[in-house]
Amino acid sequence: MIFPYKAMNRKDTIWFNSNLLDTALPSGKLTNVIFDGGNSLIVDNSYRFFNLKLLTVDQLRKVNHKRYSL
């Protein structure tokens, strides 16, 4: 699933595909996002906020899986 790390209407937002993310690590007040394959990107969001977005995407994925696997 894809999700923005900032508000969708902001010009500087980046959309992430959760299937391509390996992990996210705190880096001070920023977050280091590590992708499958080892590439990384530091985003100007706190780890707590970014991780909350990842958890929300995961919950939505589970709901969709239950809904469409009936």
N, C-alpha and C. Protein backbone atom coordinates (compact mmCIF):
# COMPACT_ATOMS: atom_id res chain seq x y z
N MET A 1 0.84 -1.17 0.00
CA MET A 1 0.00 0.00 0.00
C MET A 1 0.89 1.23 0.00
N ILE A 2 0.42 2.27 -0.65
CA ILE A 2 1.18 3.50 -0.66
C ILE A 2 0.59 4.48 0.34
N PHE A 3 1.46 5.32 0.88
CA PHE A 3 1.02 6.33 1.83
C PHE A 3 1.97 7.52 1.77
N PRO A 4 1.44 8.72 2.03
CA PRO A 4 2.30 9.91 2.07
C PRO A 4 2.87 10.07 3.47
N TYR A 5 4.07 10.63 3.57
CA TYR A 5 4.62 10.82 4.91
C TYR A 5 4.28 12.20 5.45
N LYS A 6 3.72 13.05 4.62
CA LYS A 6 3.20 14.36 5.04
C LYS A 6 1.79 14.47 4.47
N ALA A 7 1.16 15.59 4.68
CA ALA A 7 -0.18 15.81 4.14
C ALA A 7 -0.15 15.66 2.61
N MET A 8 -1.18 15.05 2.07
CA MET A 8 -1.21 14.77 0.64
C MET A 8 -1.13 16.02 -0.22
N ASN A 9 -1.64 17.14 0.27
CA ASN A 9 -1.68 18.34 -0.55
C ASN A 9 -0.40 19.17 -0.50
N ARG A 10 0.59 18.74 0.27
CA ARG A 10 1.86 19.47 0.34
C ARG A 10 2.73 19.14 -0.86
N LYS A 11 3.40 20.14 -1.37
CA LYS A 11 4.25 19.94 -2.55
C LYS A 11 5.49 19.10 -2.23
N ASP A 12 5.92 19.10 -0.98
CA ASP A 12 7.16 18.39 -0.64
C ASP A 12 6.92 17.00 -0.04
N THR A 13 5.70 16.48 -0.17
CA THR A 13 5.45 15.14 0.37
C THR A 13 6.04 14.07 -0.55
N ILE A 14 6.35 12.95 0.04
CA ILE A 14 6.85 11.78 -0.69
C ILE A 14 5.90 10.63 -0.40
N TRP A 15 5.56 9.87 -1.43
CA TRP A 15 4.71 8.71 -1.25
C TRP A 15 5.58 7.47 -1.14
N PHE A 16 5.29 6.65 -0.15
CA PHE A 16 6.05 5.42 0.08
C PHE A 16 5.17 4.21 -0.21
N ASN A 17 5.78 3.19 -0.78
CA ASN A 17 5.12 1.91 -0.96
C ASN A 17 5.56 1.03 0.20
N SER A 18 4.64 0.69 1.08
CA SER A 18 5.01 -0.05 2.29
C SER A 18 5.60 -1.43 1.97
N ASN A 19 5.28 -1.97 0.80
CA ASN A 19 5.84 -3.28 0.42
C ASN A 19 7.33 -3.20 0.10
N LEU A 20 7.84 -2.00 -0.15
CA LEU A 20 9.23 -1.83 -0.52
C LEU A 20 10.10 -1.33 0.63
N LEU A 21 9.50 -1.14 1.80
CA LEU A 21 10.25 -0.66 2.95
C LEU A 21 10.78 -1.83 3.76
N ASP A 22 12.04 -1.71 4.16
CA ASP A 22 12.64 -2.72 5.02
C ASP A 22 12.42 -2.34 6.47
N THR A 23 12.81 -1.12 6.83
CA THR A 23 12.65 -0.66 8.20
C THR A 23 12.76 0.86 8.25
N ALA A 24 12.45 1.41 9.39
CA ALA A 24 12.63 2.83 9.65
C ALA A 24 13.33 2.95 11.00
N LEU A 25 14.32 3.83 11.06
CA LEU A 25 15.10 3.99 12.28
C LEU A 25 15.12 5.45 12.71
N PRO A 26 15.08 5.69 14.02
CA PRO A 26 15.19 7.08 14.48
C PRO A 26 16.57 7.63 14.19
N SER A 27 16.61 8.90 13.83
CA SER A 27 17.87 9.59 13.56
C SER A 27 17.74 10.99 14.13
N GLY A 28 17.86 11.11 15.44
CA GLY A 28 17.62 12.39 16.10
C GLY A 28 16.14 12.73 16.00
N LYS A 29 15.82 13.91 15.46
CA LYS A 29 14.43 14.31 15.27
C LYS A 29 13.91 13.91 13.89
N LEU A 30 14.73 13.18 13.15
CA LEU A 30 14.37 12.74 11.80
C LEU A 30 14.19 11.23 11.79
N THR A 31 13.83 10.70 10.63
CA THR A 31 13.67 9.25 10.47
C THR A 31 14.47 8.78 9.27
N ASN A 32 15.24 7.73 9.45
CA ASN A 32 15.99 7.12 8.36
C ASN A 32 15.17 5.94 7.85
N VAL A 33 14.66 6.07 6.63
CA VAL A 33 13.83 5.03 6.02
C VAL A 33 14.74 4.17 5.16
N ILE A 34 14.75 2.87 5.42
CA ILE A 34 15.60 1.95 4.67
C ILE A 34 14.71 1.06 3.81
N PHE A 35 15.03 1.03 2.53
CA PHE A 35 14.25 0.28 1.56
C PHE A 35 14.85 -1.10 1.34
N ASP A 36 14.04 -2.01 0.78
CA ASP A 36 14.57 -3.29 0.33
C ASP A 36 15.70 -2.98 -0.65
N GLY A 37 16.78 -3.69 -0.56
CA GLY A 37 17.92 -3.43 -1.43
C GLY A 37 18.97 -2.55 -0.79
N GLY A 38 18.65 -1.95 0.38
CA GLY A 38 19.65 -1.21 1.12
C GLY A 38 19.68 0.30 0.94
N ASN A 39 18.97 0.84 -0.05
CA ASN A 39 18.93 2.30 -0.19
C ASN A 39 18.20 2.90 1.00
N SER A 40 18.55 4.14 1.32
CA SER A 40 17.89 4.79 2.45
C SER A 40 17.60 6.25 2.13
N LEU A 41 16.70 6.82 2.90
CA LEU A 41 16.30 8.21 2.75
C LEU A 41 15.97 8.76 4.12
N ILE A 42 16.50 9.92 4.44
CA ILE A 42 16.17 10.56 5.71
C ILE A 42 15.04 11.55 5.46
N VAL A 43 13.95 11.39 6.21
CA VAL A 43 12.79 12.27 6.07
C VAL A 43 12.65 13.12 7.32
N ASP A 44 12.09 14.30 7.12
CA ASP A 44 11.98 15.25 8.24
C ASP A 44 10.69 15.06 9.02
N ASN A 45 10.50 13.85 9.49
CA ASN A 45 9.43 13.50 10.41
C ASN A 45 10.05 12.72 11.56
N SER A 46 9.44 12.81 12.70
CA SER A 46 9.94 12.03 13.83
C SER A 46 9.68 10.54 13.57
N TYR A 47 10.50 9.72 14.18
CA TYR A 47 10.34 8.27 14.05
C TYR A 47 8.96 7.85 14.56
N ARG A 48 8.54 8.44 15.66
CA ARG A 48 7.23 8.10 16.25
C ARG A 48 6.10 8.35 15.26
N PHE A 49 6.13 9.50 14.60
CA PHE A 49 5.08 9.84 13.63
C PHE A 49 5.14 8.92 12.42
N PHE A 50 6.35 8.68 11.89
CA PHE A 50 6.48 7.83 10.71
C PHE A 50 6.06 6.40 11.03
N ASN A 51 6.46 5.91 12.19
CA ASN A 51 6.10 4.55 12.59
C ASN A 51 4.59 4.43 12.77
N LEU A 52 3.94 5.46 13.27
CA LEU A 52 2.48 5.45 13.39
C LEU A 52 1.83 5.30 12.02
N LYS A 53 2.38 5.98 11.02
CA LYS A 53 1.86 5.83 9.65
C LYS A 53 2.02 4.39 9.17
N LEU A 54 3.19 3.78 9.45
CA LEU A 54 3.41 2.39 9.05
C LEU A 54 2.42 1.45 9.74
N LEU A 55 2.17 1.68 11.02
CA LEU A 55 1.21 0.84 11.75
C LEU A 55 -0.20 1.00 11.18
N THR A 56 -0.57 2.21 10.82
CA THR A 56 -1.89 2.46 10.24
C THR A 56 -2.03 1.74 8.90
N VAL A 57 -1.00 1.78 8.09
CA VAL A 57 -1.02 1.08 6.80
C VAL A 57 -1.15 -0.42 7.02
N ASP A 58 -0.43 -0.94 8.00
CA ASP A 58 -0.49 -2.37 8.30
C ASP A 58 -1.89 -2.78 8.75
N GLN A 59 -2.52 -1.97 9.58
CA GLN A 59 -3.88 -2.26 10.03
C GLN A 59 -4.86 -2.23 8.86
N LEU A 60 -4.70 -1.26 7.98
CA LEU A 60 -5.58 -1.17 6.81
C LEU A 60 -5.38 -2.37 5.89
N ARG A 61 -4.14 -2.81 5.75
CA ARG A 61 -3.86 -3.99 4.93
C ARG A 61 -4.57 -5.22 5.50
N LYS A 62 -4.53 -5.37 6.83
CA LYS A 62 -5.18 -6.52 7.47
C LYS A 62 -6.69 -6.46 7.30
N VAL A 63 -7.28 -5.29 7.43
CA VAL A 63 -8.73 -5.14 7.25
C VAL A 63 -9.11 -5.48 5.82
N ASN A 64 -8.34 -4.97 4.86
CA ASN A 64 -8.64 -5.26 3.45
C ASN A 64 -8.48 -6.74 3.16
N HIS A 65 -7.47 -7.36 3.73
CA HIS A 65 -7.27 -8.80 3.50
C HIS A 65 -8.45 -9.60 4.03
N LYS A 66 -8.93 -9.26 5.23
CA LYS A 66 -10.08 -9.97 5.79
C LYS A 66 -11.32 -9.74 4.96
N ARG A 67 -11.50 -8.50 4.52
CA ARG A 67 -12.69 -8.15 3.77
C ARG A 67 -12.74 -8.86 2.43
N TYR A 68 -11.62 -8.94 1.74
CA TYR A 68 -11.61 -9.47 0.39
C TYR A 68 -11.26 -10.94 0.30
N SER A 69 -10.98 -11.57 1.44
CA SER A 69 -10.68 -13.00 1.40
C SER A 69 -11.88 -13.85 1.81
N LEU A 70 -13.01 -13.22 1.98
CA LEU A 70 -14.22 -13.98 2.36
C LEU A 70 -14.81 -14.68 1.17
